[in-house]
């Protein structure tokens, strides 16, 4: 087997870590973001203030810094190391950092979408005797999905590229692997990483485009 083929296979294997981090972040951050959005819209002022302050802090600081703090912070503050040893612990810490970060960004997208639905529709549902949950799921939710798809698509595509930040705590994702080969005098593995990201982002772009067309009946 040629050296180039071996390198390509190792790059492919490393990209699976990026995909795993991407998938786990979406699985946990999407529902958590909705809960955070409800907290930021709460009528209970103290809760609303705490949630919005937390979102402001997370959105106002670099994701790379958050990864470092979450991974190293507990040990540096003598709280003990909560993460498993080895690569599994680094991946777990990365997932936690990404979920918290993206849940805050998603929450603002959710909040904007929910608040953009005319209040009159909620009042009309109440007049018809619908419960709050019925109004949300049968009247508000589909319209919210239509409105948030474009910004949500942008955030999801950004997430694909942000997964490379996990290498700051030595998660061996694709860019870290390519950098190791560049240290040996090979430049093409670095450029090859673009192919993986472009294909992944291209598939997501097509998917979100199809979803937006399916939601065209809400205008």
N, C-alpha and C. Protein backbone atom coordinates (compact mmCIF):
# COMPACT_ATOMS: atom_id res chain seq x y z
N UNK A 1 0.85 -1.20 0.00
CA UNK A 1 0.00 0.00 0.00
C UNK A 1 0.89 1.25 0.00
N UNK A 2 0.56 2.21 -0.88
CA UNK A 2 1.39 3.40 -0.98
C UNK A 2 1.23 4.29 0.25
N UNK A 3 2.26 5.13 0.47
CA UNK A 3 2.22 6.02 1.62
C UNK A 3 1.05 6.99 1.54
N UNK A 4 0.77 7.48 0.32
CA UNK A 4 -0.33 8.43 0.16
C UNK A 4 -1.66 7.80 0.55
N UNK A 5 -1.87 6.54 0.19
CA UNK A 5 -3.11 5.87 0.53
C UNK A 5 -3.23 5.66 2.04
N UNK A 6 -2.12 5.33 2.68
CA UNK A 6 -2.12 5.16 4.14
C UNK A 6 -2.48 6.47 4.82
N UNK A 7 -1.88 7.56 4.35
CA UNK A 7 -2.17 8.88 4.93
C UNK A 7 -3.64 9.23 4.73
N UNK A 8 -4.15 8.97 3.54
CA UNK A 8 -5.55 9.29 3.24
C UNK A 8 -6.49 8.50 4.16
N UNK A 9 -6.17 7.25 4.42
CA UNK A 9 -7.01 6.43 5.31
C UNK A 9 -6.95 6.95 6.74
N UNK A 10 -5.78 7.40 7.16
CA UNK A 10 -5.67 7.95 8.51
C UNK A 10 -6.42 9.27 8.63
N UNK A 11 -6.38 10.08 7.60
CA UNK A 11 -7.15 11.33 7.60
C UNK A 11 -8.64 11.02 7.67
N UNK A 12 -9.07 10.02 6.91
CA UNK A 12 -10.48 9.63 6.93
C UNK A 12 -10.90 9.16 8.32
N UNK A 13 -10.04 8.36 8.95
CA UNK A 13 -10.34 7.90 10.30
C UNK A 13 -10.42 9.04 11.29
N UNK A 14 -9.53 10.01 11.15
CA UNK A 14 -9.54 11.16 12.06
C UNK A 14 -10.79 12.01 11.86
N UNK A 15 -11.26 12.09 10.62
CA UNK A 15 -12.45 12.89 10.35
C UNK A 15 -13.69 12.31 11.02
N UNK A 16 -13.66 11.01 11.29
CA UNK A 16 -14.79 10.40 12.00
C UNK A 16 -14.95 11.01 13.39
N UNK A 17 -13.85 11.44 14.00
CA UNK A 17 -13.95 12.11 15.30
C UNK A 17 -14.67 13.45 15.15
N UNK A 18 -14.36 14.19 14.06
CA UNK A 18 -15.08 15.44 13.79
C UNK A 18 -16.57 15.18 13.63
N UNK A 19 -16.89 14.12 12.88
CA UNK A 19 -18.30 13.79 12.64
C UNK A 19 -18.98 13.38 13.95
N UNK A 20 -18.29 12.61 14.78
CA UNK A 20 -18.85 12.19 16.06
C UNK A 20 -19.11 13.40 16.96
N UNK A 21 -18.17 14.30 17.03
CA UNK A 21 -18.33 15.50 17.84
C UNK A 21 -19.48 16.35 17.31
N UNK A 22 -19.58 16.47 16.00
CA UNK A 22 -20.68 17.21 15.36
C UNK A 22 -22.03 16.60 15.72
N UNK A 23 -22.15 15.28 15.57
CA UNK A 23 -23.43 14.61 15.81
C UNK A 23 -23.85 14.70 17.27
N UNK A 24 -22.93 14.45 18.19
CA UNK A 24 -23.24 14.49 19.61
C UNK A 24 -23.65 15.90 20.04
N UNK A 25 -22.98 16.90 19.48
CA UNK A 25 -23.32 18.28 19.81
C UNK A 25 -24.75 18.60 19.40
N UNK A 26 -25.13 18.20 18.19
CA UNK A 26 -26.50 18.47 17.73
C UNK A 26 -27.53 17.73 18.57
N UNK A 27 -27.26 16.47 18.87
CA UNK A 27 -28.22 15.65 19.63
C UNK A 27 -28.56 16.29 20.97
N UNK A 28 -27.55 16.85 21.64
CA UNK A 28 -27.78 17.43 22.97
C UNK A 28 -28.05 18.93 22.94
N UNK A 29 -27.44 19.66 22.01
CA UNK A 29 -27.56 21.12 22.02
C UNK A 29 -28.91 21.60 21.48
N UNK A 30 -29.50 20.89 20.54
CA UNK A 30 -30.78 21.34 19.98
C UNK A 30 -31.89 21.35 21.03
N UNK A 31 -32.12 20.27 21.77
CA UNK A 31 -33.16 20.34 22.81
C UNK A 31 -32.77 21.23 23.99
N UNK A 32 -31.48 21.22 24.36
CA UNK A 32 -31.04 22.08 25.46
C UNK A 32 -31.22 23.55 25.09
N UNK A 33 -30.94 23.88 23.85
CA UNK A 33 -31.11 25.26 23.40
C UNK A 33 -32.56 25.73 23.53
N UNK A 34 -33.52 24.83 23.28
CA UNK A 34 -34.93 25.19 23.41
C UNK A 34 -35.27 25.45 24.88
N UNK A 35 -34.72 24.64 25.79
CA UNK A 35 -34.95 24.87 27.21
C UNK A 35 -34.36 26.21 27.65
N UNK A 36 -33.16 26.51 27.15
CA UNK A 36 -32.52 27.79 27.49
C UNK A 36 -33.35 28.94 26.94
N UNK A 37 -33.91 28.77 25.74
CA UNK A 37 -34.75 29.82 25.16
C UNK A 37 -35.97 30.08 26.02
N UNK A 38 -36.61 29.01 26.52
CA UNK A 38 -37.76 29.19 27.40
C UNK A 38 -37.34 29.92 28.68
N UNK A 39 -36.14 29.59 29.19
CA UNK A 39 -35.65 30.28 30.38
C UNK A 39 -35.42 31.76 30.13
N UNK A 40 -34.88 32.09 28.96
CA UNK A 40 -34.61 33.50 28.65
C UNK A 40 -35.88 34.29 28.37
N UNK A 41 -36.99 33.59 28.12
CA UNK A 41 -38.28 34.26 27.90
C UNK A 41 -39.20 34.15 29.12
N UNK A 42 -38.69 33.57 30.20
CA UNK A 42 -39.51 33.34 31.38
C UNK A 42 -40.06 34.65 31.95
N UNK A 43 -41.26 34.57 32.49
CA UNK A 43 -41.85 35.74 33.15
C UNK A 43 -41.28 35.93 34.54
N UNK A 44 -40.55 34.92 35.04
CA UNK A 44 -39.90 35.03 36.35
C UNK A 44 -38.57 35.74 36.15
N UNK A 45 -38.53 37.01 36.55
CA UNK A 45 -37.41 37.90 36.24
C UNK A 45 -36.04 37.36 36.69
N UNK A 46 -35.91 36.83 37.91
CA UNK A 46 -34.59 36.33 38.33
C UNK A 46 -34.07 35.21 37.42
N UNK A 47 -34.95 34.27 37.07
CA UNK A 47 -34.55 33.18 36.17
C UNK A 47 -34.16 33.73 34.81
N UNK A 48 -34.98 34.64 34.30
CA UNK A 48 -34.69 35.24 32.99
C UNK A 48 -33.35 35.96 33.01
N UNK A 49 -33.07 36.69 34.10
CA UNK A 49 -31.81 37.42 34.20
C UNK A 49 -30.60 36.50 34.26
N UNK A 50 -30.71 35.41 35.04
CA UNK A 50 -29.60 34.45 35.16
C UNK A 50 -29.32 33.78 33.82
N UNK A 51 -30.38 33.34 33.15
CA UNK A 51 -30.20 32.63 31.88
C UNK A 51 -29.61 33.56 30.83
N UNK A 52 -30.13 34.78 30.75
CA UNK A 52 -29.61 35.71 29.72
C UNK A 52 -28.17 36.12 30.01
N UNK A 53 -27.81 36.23 31.29
CA UNK A 53 -26.42 36.55 31.63
C UNK A 53 -25.50 35.40 31.23
N UNK A 54 -25.94 34.18 31.50
CA UNK A 54 -25.15 33.00 31.14
C UNK A 54 -24.95 32.94 29.62
N UNK A 55 -26.03 33.16 28.88
CA UNK A 55 -25.94 33.15 27.41
C UNK A 55 -24.99 34.23 26.93
N UNK A 56 -25.05 35.39 27.55
CA UNK A 56 -24.16 36.51 27.16
C UNK A 56 -22.69 36.14 27.39
N UNK A 57 -22.41 35.50 28.52
CA UNK A 57 -21.03 35.10 28.83
C UNK A 57 -20.53 34.07 27.82
N UNK A 58 -21.34 33.06 27.53
CA UNK A 58 -20.93 32.01 26.61
C UNK A 58 -20.75 32.55 25.20
N UNK A 59 -21.67 33.39 24.76
CA UNK A 59 -21.56 33.95 23.40
C UNK A 59 -20.46 34.99 23.29
N UNK A 60 -20.06 35.54 24.42
CA UNK A 60 -19.06 36.61 24.40
C UNK A 60 -17.63 36.15 24.60
N UNK A 61 -17.44 34.84 24.82
CA UNK A 61 -16.08 34.32 25.02
C UNK A 61 -15.78 33.27 23.97
N UNK A 62 -14.51 33.09 23.59
CA UNK A 62 -14.16 32.14 22.52
C UNK A 62 -14.45 30.70 22.91
N UNK A 63 -14.93 29.94 21.96
CA UNK A 63 -15.18 28.52 22.18
C UNK A 63 -13.90 27.79 22.57
N UNK A 64 -12.79 28.19 21.98
CA UNK A 64 -11.52 27.54 22.30
C UNK A 64 -11.20 27.70 23.79
N UNK A 65 -11.43 28.89 24.33
CA UNK A 65 -11.20 29.13 25.75
C UNK A 65 -12.13 28.27 26.60
N UNK A 66 -13.37 28.15 26.18
CA UNK A 66 -14.33 27.34 26.94
C UNK A 66 -13.92 25.87 26.97
N UNK A 67 -13.39 25.36 25.86
CA UNK A 67 -12.93 23.97 25.82
C UNK A 67 -11.80 23.76 26.83
N UNK A 68 -10.85 24.70 26.84
CA UNK A 68 -9.70 24.59 27.75
C UNK A 68 -10.17 24.65 29.21
N UNK A 69 -11.05 25.60 29.52
CA UNK A 69 -11.53 25.76 30.89
C UNK A 69 -12.29 24.53 31.35
N UNK A 70 -13.16 24.00 30.50
CA UNK A 70 -13.96 22.84 30.89
C UNK A 70 -13.08 21.61 31.08
N UNK A 71 -12.04 21.46 30.24
CA UNK A 71 -11.19 20.29 30.34
C UNK A 71 -10.18 20.39 31.49
N UNK A 72 -9.54 21.56 31.63
CA UNK A 72 -8.49 21.72 32.62
C UNK A 72 -8.97 22.37 33.92
N UNK A 73 -10.06 23.13 33.85
CA UNK A 73 -10.52 23.90 34.99
C UNK A 73 -10.74 23.12 36.27
N UNK A 74 -11.49 22.01 36.23
CA UNK A 74 -11.73 21.26 37.48
C UNK A 74 -10.45 20.83 38.17
N UNK A 75 -9.48 20.35 37.40
CA UNK A 75 -8.21 19.92 37.99
C UNK A 75 -7.42 21.08 38.55
N UNK A 76 -7.40 22.21 37.83
CA UNK A 76 -6.65 23.38 38.28
C UNK A 76 -7.24 23.98 39.55
N UNK A 77 -8.55 23.78 39.75
CA UNK A 77 -9.21 24.31 40.95
C UNK A 77 -9.33 23.26 42.05
N UNK A 78 -8.58 22.17 41.90
CA UNK A 78 -8.55 21.10 42.90
C UNK A 78 -9.91 20.48 43.16
N UNK A 79 -10.73 20.40 42.11
CA UNK A 79 -12.02 19.74 42.24
C UNK A 79 -11.93 18.27 41.82
N UNK A 80 -10.76 17.86 41.39
CA UNK A 80 -10.61 16.52 40.84
C UNK A 80 -10.89 16.51 39.36
N UNK A 81 -10.39 15.53 38.67
CA UNK A 81 -10.59 15.44 37.23
C UNK A 81 -11.83 14.60 36.92
N UNK A 82 -12.91 15.21 36.39
CA UNK A 82 -14.14 14.45 36.14
C UNK A 82 -14.11 13.66 34.84
N UNK A 83 -13.07 13.87 34.02
CA UNK A 83 -13.05 13.26 32.70
C UNK A 83 -12.31 11.93 32.71
N UNK A 84 -12.79 10.97 31.93
CA UNK A 84 -12.05 9.70 31.82
C UNK A 84 -10.65 9.94 31.25
N UNK A 85 -9.75 9.03 31.50
CA UNK A 85 -8.39 9.19 31.01
C UNK A 85 -8.33 8.91 29.51
N UNK A 86 -7.31 9.47 28.88
CA UNK A 86 -7.07 9.19 27.47
C UNK A 86 -7.95 9.99 26.53
N UNK A 87 -8.04 9.51 25.30
CA UNK A 87 -8.76 10.23 24.25
C UNK A 87 -10.25 10.32 24.53
N UNK A 88 -10.80 9.32 25.24
CA UNK A 88 -12.23 9.36 25.57
C UNK A 88 -12.57 10.53 26.47
N UNK A 89 -11.70 10.83 27.42
CA UNK A 89 -11.94 11.97 28.30
C UNK A 89 -11.86 13.30 27.56
N UNK A 90 -10.91 13.40 26.64
CA UNK A 90 -10.79 14.64 25.86
C UNK A 90 -12.00 14.85 24.96
N UNK A 91 -12.49 13.76 24.38
CA UNK A 91 -13.67 13.88 23.53
C UNK A 91 -14.89 14.26 24.37
N UNK A 92 -15.04 13.65 25.55
CA UNK A 92 -16.18 13.96 26.42
C UNK A 92 -16.17 15.43 26.83
N UNK A 93 -15.00 15.94 27.21
CA UNK A 93 -14.89 17.35 27.59
C UNK A 93 -15.22 18.25 26.41
N UNK A 94 -14.77 17.87 25.23
CA UNK A 94 -15.07 18.66 24.03
C UNK A 94 -16.56 18.69 23.76
N UNK A 95 -17.22 17.54 23.89
CA UNK A 95 -18.66 17.48 23.66
C UNK A 95 -19.39 18.39 24.64
N UNK A 96 -19.01 18.35 25.91
CA UNK A 96 -19.66 19.20 26.92
C UNK A 96 -19.49 20.67 26.56
N UNK A 97 -18.28 21.07 26.19
CA UNK A 97 -18.02 22.46 25.83
C UNK A 97 -18.83 22.88 24.60
N UNK A 98 -18.86 22.03 23.59
CA UNK A 98 -19.60 22.35 22.36
C UNK A 98 -21.09 22.41 22.62
N UNK A 99 -21.61 21.49 23.43
CA UNK A 99 -23.05 21.48 23.71
C UNK A 99 -23.46 22.76 24.43
N UNK A 100 -22.70 23.16 25.44
CA UNK A 100 -23.03 24.39 26.17
C UNK A 100 -22.97 25.59 25.25
N UNK A 101 -21.91 25.68 24.46
CA UNK A 101 -21.73 26.82 23.56
C UNK A 101 -22.85 26.90 22.53
N UNK A 102 -23.09 25.80 21.85
CA UNK A 102 -24.08 25.84 20.77
C UNK A 102 -25.51 25.89 21.28
N UNK A 103 -25.76 25.37 22.48
CA UNK A 103 -27.10 25.49 23.05
C UNK A 103 -27.45 26.96 23.27
N UNK A 104 -26.45 27.74 23.67
CA UNK A 104 -26.69 29.18 23.88
C UNK A 104 -26.97 29.90 22.56
N UNK A 105 -26.22 29.55 21.52
CA UNK A 105 -26.47 30.16 20.21
C UNK A 105 -27.83 29.71 19.66
N UNK A 106 -28.13 28.42 19.78
CA UNK A 106 -29.42 27.93 19.31
C UNK A 106 -30.57 28.58 20.07
N UNK A 107 -30.36 28.84 21.36
CA UNK A 107 -31.43 29.41 22.17
C UNK A 107 -31.85 30.78 21.65
N UNK A 108 -30.87 31.57 21.20
CA UNK A 108 -31.20 32.88 20.66
C UNK A 108 -31.94 32.78 19.33
N UNK A 109 -31.59 31.76 18.54
CA UNK A 109 -32.31 31.53 17.29
C UNK A 109 -33.74 31.10 17.58
N UNK A 110 -33.91 30.18 18.54
CA UNK A 110 -35.25 29.76 18.94
C UNK A 110 -36.06 30.95 19.45
N UNK A 111 -35.45 31.73 20.31
CA UNK A 111 -36.17 32.86 20.92
C UNK A 111 -36.63 33.84 19.85
N UNK A 112 -35.74 34.14 18.92
CA UNK A 112 -36.11 35.06 17.84
C UNK A 112 -37.25 34.50 17.00
N UNK A 113 -37.21 33.18 16.72
CA UNK A 113 -38.27 32.58 15.93
C UNK A 113 -39.60 32.57 16.65
N UNK A 114 -39.59 32.23 17.93
CA UNK A 114 -40.83 32.19 18.70
C UNK A 114 -41.44 33.58 18.84
N UNK A 115 -40.61 34.57 19.13
CA UNK A 115 -41.12 35.93 19.33
C UNK A 115 -41.56 36.59 18.03
N UNK A 116 -41.13 36.03 16.89
CA UNK A 116 -41.52 36.62 15.60
C UNK A 116 -42.91 36.16 15.14
N UNK A 117 -43.45 35.12 15.76
CA UNK A 117 -44.80 34.66 15.41
C UNK A 117 -45.81 35.65 15.98
N UNK A 118 -46.72 36.18 15.16
CA UNK A 118 -47.68 37.18 15.65
C UNK A 118 -48.45 36.69 16.88
N UNK A 119 -48.54 37.56 17.89
CA UNK A 119 -49.23 37.20 19.13
C UNK A 119 -50.71 36.94 18.89
N UNK A 120 -51.25 37.54 17.85
CA UNK A 120 -52.67 37.35 17.56
C UNK A 120 -53.03 35.91 17.29
N UNK A 121 -52.08 35.13 16.77
CA UNK A 121 -52.36 33.73 16.50
C UNK A 121 -52.51 32.94 17.80
N UNK A 122 -51.71 33.30 18.79
CA UNK A 122 -51.84 32.66 20.10
C UNK A 122 -53.18 33.00 20.72
N UNK A 123 -53.57 34.26 20.62
CA UNK A 123 -54.85 34.69 21.17
C UNK A 123 -56.02 34.01 20.46
N UNK A 124 -55.88 33.82 19.14
CA UNK A 124 -56.94 33.13 18.38
C UNK A 124 -57.06 31.69 18.85
N UNK A 125 -55.93 31.04 19.14
CA UNK A 125 -55.96 29.67 19.64
C UNK A 125 -56.63 29.59 20.99
N UNK A 126 -56.38 30.59 21.84
CA UNK A 126 -57.01 30.60 23.16
C UNK A 126 -58.51 30.78 23.05
N UNK A 127 -58.95 31.62 22.10
CA UNK A 127 -60.38 31.83 21.88
C UNK A 127 -61.05 30.53 21.45
N UNK A 128 -60.31 29.72 20.67
CA UNK A 128 -60.85 28.45 20.18
C UNK A 128 -60.80 27.35 21.25
N UNK A 129 -60.28 27.69 22.43
CA UNK A 129 -60.24 26.74 23.52
C UNK A 129 -59.04 25.82 23.53
N UNK A 130 -58.02 26.16 22.79
CA UNK A 130 -56.82 25.33 22.75
C UNK A 130 -55.96 25.59 23.98
N UNK A 131 -55.28 24.54 24.45
CA UNK A 131 -54.37 24.70 25.58
C UNK A 131 -53.06 25.34 25.09
N UNK A 132 -52.23 25.76 26.05
CA UNK A 132 -50.95 26.37 25.67
C UNK A 132 -50.07 25.41 24.88
N UNK A 133 -50.04 24.14 25.29
CA UNK A 133 -49.23 23.16 24.57
C UNK A 133 -49.77 22.92 23.17
N UNK A 134 -51.10 22.89 23.02
CA UNK A 134 -51.69 22.70 21.69
C UNK A 134 -51.37 23.88 20.79
N UNK A 135 -51.43 25.07 21.35
CA UNK A 135 -51.11 26.27 20.56
C UNK A 135 -49.66 26.24 20.11
N UNK A 136 -48.77 25.84 21.03
CA UNK A 136 -47.35 25.84 20.69
C UNK A 136 -47.03 24.82 19.61
N UNK A 137 -47.53 23.58 19.78
CA UNK A 137 -47.16 22.51 18.86
C UNK A 137 -47.94 22.56 17.54
N UNK A 138 -49.19 23.04 17.56
CA UNK A 138 -50.01 23.01 16.37
C UNK A 138 -50.06 24.34 15.61
N UNK A 139 -49.74 25.42 16.29
CA UNK A 139 -49.83 26.74 15.65
C UNK A 139 -48.45 27.39 15.53
N UNK A 140 -47.73 27.43 16.63
CA UNK A 140 -46.47 28.19 16.67
C UNK A 140 -45.28 27.43 16.11
N UNK A 141 -45.15 26.16 16.48
CA UNK A 141 -43.91 25.42 16.22
C UNK A 141 -43.53 25.35 14.74
N UNK A 142 -44.48 24.99 13.87
CA UNK A 142 -44.15 24.86 12.45
C UNK A 142 -43.73 26.20 11.84
N UNK A 143 -44.35 27.27 12.29
CA UNK A 143 -43.96 28.58 11.79
C UNK A 143 -42.56 28.96 12.30
N UNK A 144 -42.28 28.58 13.54
CA UNK A 144 -40.95 28.84 14.11
C UNK A 144 -39.89 28.09 13.30
N UNK A 145 -40.17 26.81 12.99
CA UNK A 145 -39.20 26.02 12.21
C UNK A 145 -38.92 26.69 10.88
N UNK A 146 -39.94 27.16 10.21
CA UNK A 146 -39.76 27.84 8.93
C UNK A 146 -38.87 29.06 9.07
N UNK A 147 -39.07 29.83 10.13
CA UNK A 147 -38.33 31.08 10.31
C UNK A 147 -36.89 30.86 10.75
N UNK A 148 -36.63 29.77 11.49
CA UNK A 148 -35.28 29.59 12.03
C UNK A 148 -34.39 28.72 11.16
N UNK A 149 -34.93 28.11 10.10
CA UNK A 149 -34.12 27.21 9.28
C UNK A 149 -32.87 27.89 8.71
N UNK A 150 -32.98 29.08 8.10
CA UNK A 150 -31.76 29.70 7.53
C UNK A 150 -30.68 29.98 8.58
N UNK A 151 -31.01 30.68 9.70
CA UNK A 151 -29.94 30.90 10.70
C UNK A 151 -29.47 29.62 11.36
N UNK A 152 -30.37 28.65 11.54
CA UNK A 152 -29.96 27.38 12.13
C UNK A 152 -29.01 26.64 11.19
N UNK A 153 -29.29 26.72 9.89
CA UNK A 153 -28.40 26.10 8.92
C UNK A 153 -27.01 26.70 8.97
N UNK A 154 -26.94 28.02 9.11
CA UNK A 154 -25.63 28.68 9.22
C UNK A 154 -24.86 28.20 10.44
N UNK A 155 -25.56 28.08 11.57
CA UNK A 155 -24.89 27.63 12.80
C UNK A 155 -24.42 26.18 12.69
N UNK A 156 -25.22 25.35 12.07
CA UNK A 156 -24.85 23.94 11.92
C UNK A 156 -23.61 23.81 11.03
N UNK A 157 -23.57 24.60 9.96
CA UNK A 157 -22.39 24.57 9.07
C UNK A 157 -21.16 25.11 9.81
N UNK A 158 -21.36 26.13 10.63
CA UNK A 158 -20.25 26.64 11.43
C UNK A 158 -19.75 25.58 12.40
N UNK A 159 -20.68 24.80 12.95
CA UNK A 159 -20.31 23.73 13.87
C UNK A 159 -19.39 22.71 13.20
N UNK A 160 -19.67 22.38 11.94
CA UNK A 160 -18.82 21.43 11.22
C UNK A 160 -17.36 21.89 11.27
N UNK A 161 -17.13 23.16 10.99
CA UNK A 161 -15.76 23.69 10.96
C UNK A 161 -15.20 23.89 12.36
N UNK A 162 -16.06 24.21 13.30
CA UNK A 162 -15.58 24.44 14.67
C UNK A 162 -15.10 23.16 15.34
N UNK A 163 -15.52 21.99 14.85
CA UNK A 163 -15.07 20.74 15.47
C UNK A 163 -13.54 20.63 15.48
N UNK A 164 -12.88 21.33 14.57
CA UNK A 164 -11.42 21.29 14.53
C UNK A 164 -10.79 21.94 15.76
N UNK A 165 -11.57 22.76 16.49
CA UNK A 165 -11.03 23.42 17.68
C UNK A 165 -10.74 22.42 18.81
N UNK A 166 -11.29 21.21 18.69
CA UNK A 166 -11.05 20.20 19.72
C UNK A 166 -9.58 19.81 19.80
N UNK A 167 -8.79 20.13 18.76
CA UNK A 167 -7.37 19.76 18.82
C UNK A 167 -6.60 20.57 19.85
N UNK A 168 -7.24 21.62 20.41
CA UNK A 168 -6.56 22.43 21.42
C UNK A 168 -6.29 21.61 22.68
N UNK A 169 -7.10 20.56 22.90
CA UNK A 169 -6.84 19.67 24.05
C UNK A 169 -6.41 18.28 23.54
N UNK A 170 -5.79 18.29 22.36
CA UNK A 170 -5.16 17.09 21.77
C UNK A 170 -6.15 16.02 21.35
N UNK A 171 -7.39 16.42 21.00
CA UNK A 171 -8.27 15.47 20.33
C UNK A 171 -7.76 15.29 18.91
N UNK A 172 -7.50 14.07 18.52
CA UNK A 172 -6.83 13.83 17.25
C UNK A 172 -7.83 13.85 16.10
N UNK A 173 -8.39 15.05 15.84
CA UNK A 173 -9.27 15.20 14.70
C UNK A 173 -8.44 15.43 13.44
N UNK A 174 -9.10 15.67 12.32
CA UNK A 174 -8.43 15.61 11.03
C UNK A 174 -7.34 16.67 10.84
N UNK A 175 -7.57 17.89 11.33
CA UNK A 175 -6.57 18.94 11.14
C UNK A 175 -5.33 18.66 11.98
N UNK A 176 -5.51 18.15 13.18
CA UNK A 176 -4.35 17.80 14.00
C UNK A 176 -3.54 16.70 13.33
N UNK A 177 -4.23 15.71 12.74
CA UNK A 177 -3.54 14.65 12.03
C UNK A 177 -2.77 15.21 10.84
N UNK A 178 -3.39 16.12 10.09
CA UNK A 178 -2.73 16.71 8.93
C UNK A 178 -1.51 17.54 9.34
N UNK A 179 -1.62 18.22 10.49
CA UNK A 179 -0.48 19.01 10.97
C UNK A 179 0.72 18.12 11.31
N UNK A 180 0.44 16.93 11.80
CA UNK A 180 1.53 16.00 12.11
C UNK A 180 2.29 15.63 10.84
N UNK A 181 1.56 15.45 9.75
CA UNK A 181 2.23 15.12 8.49
C UNK A 181 2.95 16.33 7.90
N UNK A 182 2.39 17.53 8.14
CA UNK A 182 3.07 18.72 7.64
C UNK A 182 4.40 18.94 8.35
N UNK A 183 4.48 18.51 9.62
CA UNK A 183 5.73 18.61 10.36
C UNK A 183 6.80 17.69 9.77
N UNK A 184 6.35 16.68 9.01
CA UNK A 184 7.28 15.76 8.35
C UNK A 184 7.61 16.21 6.93
N UNK A 185 7.13 17.38 6.57
CA UNK A 185 7.46 17.93 5.25
C UNK A 185 6.42 17.68 4.18
N UNK A 186 5.23 17.20 4.55
CA UNK A 186 4.16 16.95 3.57
C UNK A 186 3.09 18.03 3.70
N UNK A 187 2.84 18.77 2.63
CA UNK A 187 1.85 19.84 2.69
C UNK A 187 0.48 19.39 2.20
N UNK A 188 0.43 18.37 1.32
CA UNK A 188 -0.85 18.01 0.71
C UNK A 188 -1.89 17.48 1.71
N UNK A 189 -1.51 16.82 2.81
CA UNK A 189 -2.56 16.40 3.75
C UNK A 189 -3.34 17.58 4.33
N UNK A 190 -2.66 18.72 4.53
CA UNK A 190 -3.37 19.90 5.04
C UNK A 190 -4.44 20.36 4.06
N UNK A 191 -4.08 20.42 2.78
CA UNK A 191 -5.06 20.85 1.78
C UNK A 191 -6.15 19.79 1.58
N UNK A 192 -5.79 18.53 1.79
CA UNK A 192 -6.77 17.46 1.61
C UNK A 192 -7.90 17.53 2.64
N UNK A 193 -7.61 18.10 3.81
CA UNK A 193 -8.67 18.22 4.82
C UNK A 193 -9.84 19.06 4.31
N UNK A 194 -9.53 20.00 3.40
CA UNK A 194 -10.59 20.84 2.84
C UNK A 194 -11.62 20.00 2.09
N UNK A 195 -11.17 18.92 1.45
CA UNK A 195 -12.09 18.06 0.70
C UNK A 195 -13.14 17.46 1.63
N UNK A 196 -12.70 16.98 2.79
CA UNK A 196 -13.62 16.38 3.75
C UNK A 196 -14.66 17.41 4.22
N UNK A 197 -14.19 18.60 4.59
CA UNK A 197 -15.11 19.62 5.08
C UNK A 197 -16.04 20.11 3.98
N UNK A 198 -15.52 20.29 2.77
CA UNK A 198 -16.36 20.77 1.67
C UNK A 198 -17.47 19.78 1.33
N UNK A 199 -17.15 18.49 1.33
CA UNK A 199 -18.17 17.48 1.05
C UNK A 199 -19.23 17.48 2.14
N UNK A 200 -18.80 17.51 3.39
CA UNK A 200 -19.74 17.50 4.51
C UNK A 200 -20.64 18.73 4.48
N UNK A 201 -20.02 19.89 4.30
CA UNK A 201 -20.81 21.13 4.26
C UNK A 201 -21.73 21.14 3.04
N UNK A 202 -21.26 20.60 1.92
CA UNK A 202 -22.09 20.54 0.73
C UNK A 202 -23.34 19.71 0.94
N UNK A 203 -23.20 18.56 1.60
CA UNK A 203 -24.35 17.71 1.89
C UNK A 203 -25.34 18.44 2.81
N UNK A 204 -24.82 19.12 3.83
CA UNK A 204 -25.69 19.85 4.75
C UNK A 204 -26.40 21.00 4.04
N UNK A 205 -25.70 21.68 3.14
CA UNK A 205 -26.32 22.78 2.39
C UNK A 205 -27.48 22.29 1.55
N UNK A 206 -27.29 21.15 0.88
CA UNK A 206 -28.37 20.57 0.07
C UNK A 206 -29.54 20.16 0.97
N UNK A 207 -29.23 19.57 2.12
CA UNK A 207 -30.26 19.13 3.05
C UNK A 207 -31.09 20.29 3.56
N UNK A 208 -30.44 21.36 3.99
CA UNK A 208 -31.18 22.52 4.50
C UNK A 208 -31.96 23.21 3.39
N UNK A 209 -31.41 23.21 2.17
CA UNK A 209 -32.14 23.78 1.04
C UNK A 209 -33.43 23.02 0.78
N UNK A 210 -33.35 21.68 0.86
CA UNK A 210 -34.55 20.85 0.66
C UNK A 210 -35.57 21.09 1.77
N UNK A 211 -35.09 21.23 3.01
CA UNK A 211 -36.00 21.48 4.13
C UNK A 211 -36.71 22.82 3.98
N UNK A 212 -35.98 23.83 3.54
CA UNK A 212 -36.59 25.15 3.35
C UNK A 212 -37.67 25.10 2.27
N UNK A 213 -37.45 24.32 1.21
CA UNK A 213 -38.47 24.21 0.16
C UNK A 213 -39.70 23.51 0.70
N UNK A 214 -39.52 22.50 1.56
CA UNK A 214 -40.67 21.79 2.12
C UNK A 214 -41.49 22.68 3.03
N UNK A 215 -40.86 23.72 3.59
CA UNK A 215 -41.58 24.62 4.50
C UNK A 215 -42.11 25.85 3.78
N UNK A 216 -42.09 25.85 2.45
CA UNK A 216 -42.52 27.02 1.68
C UNK A 216 -43.99 27.34 1.82
N UNK A 217 -44.80 26.37 2.31
CA UNK A 217 -46.23 26.65 2.44
C UNK A 217 -46.51 27.62 3.56
N UNK A 218 -45.49 27.93 4.43
CA UNK A 218 -45.66 28.96 5.45
C UNK A 218 -45.06 30.26 4.92
N UNK A 219 -45.87 31.14 4.44
CA UNK A 219 -45.39 32.41 3.89
C UNK A 219 -46.19 33.57 4.49
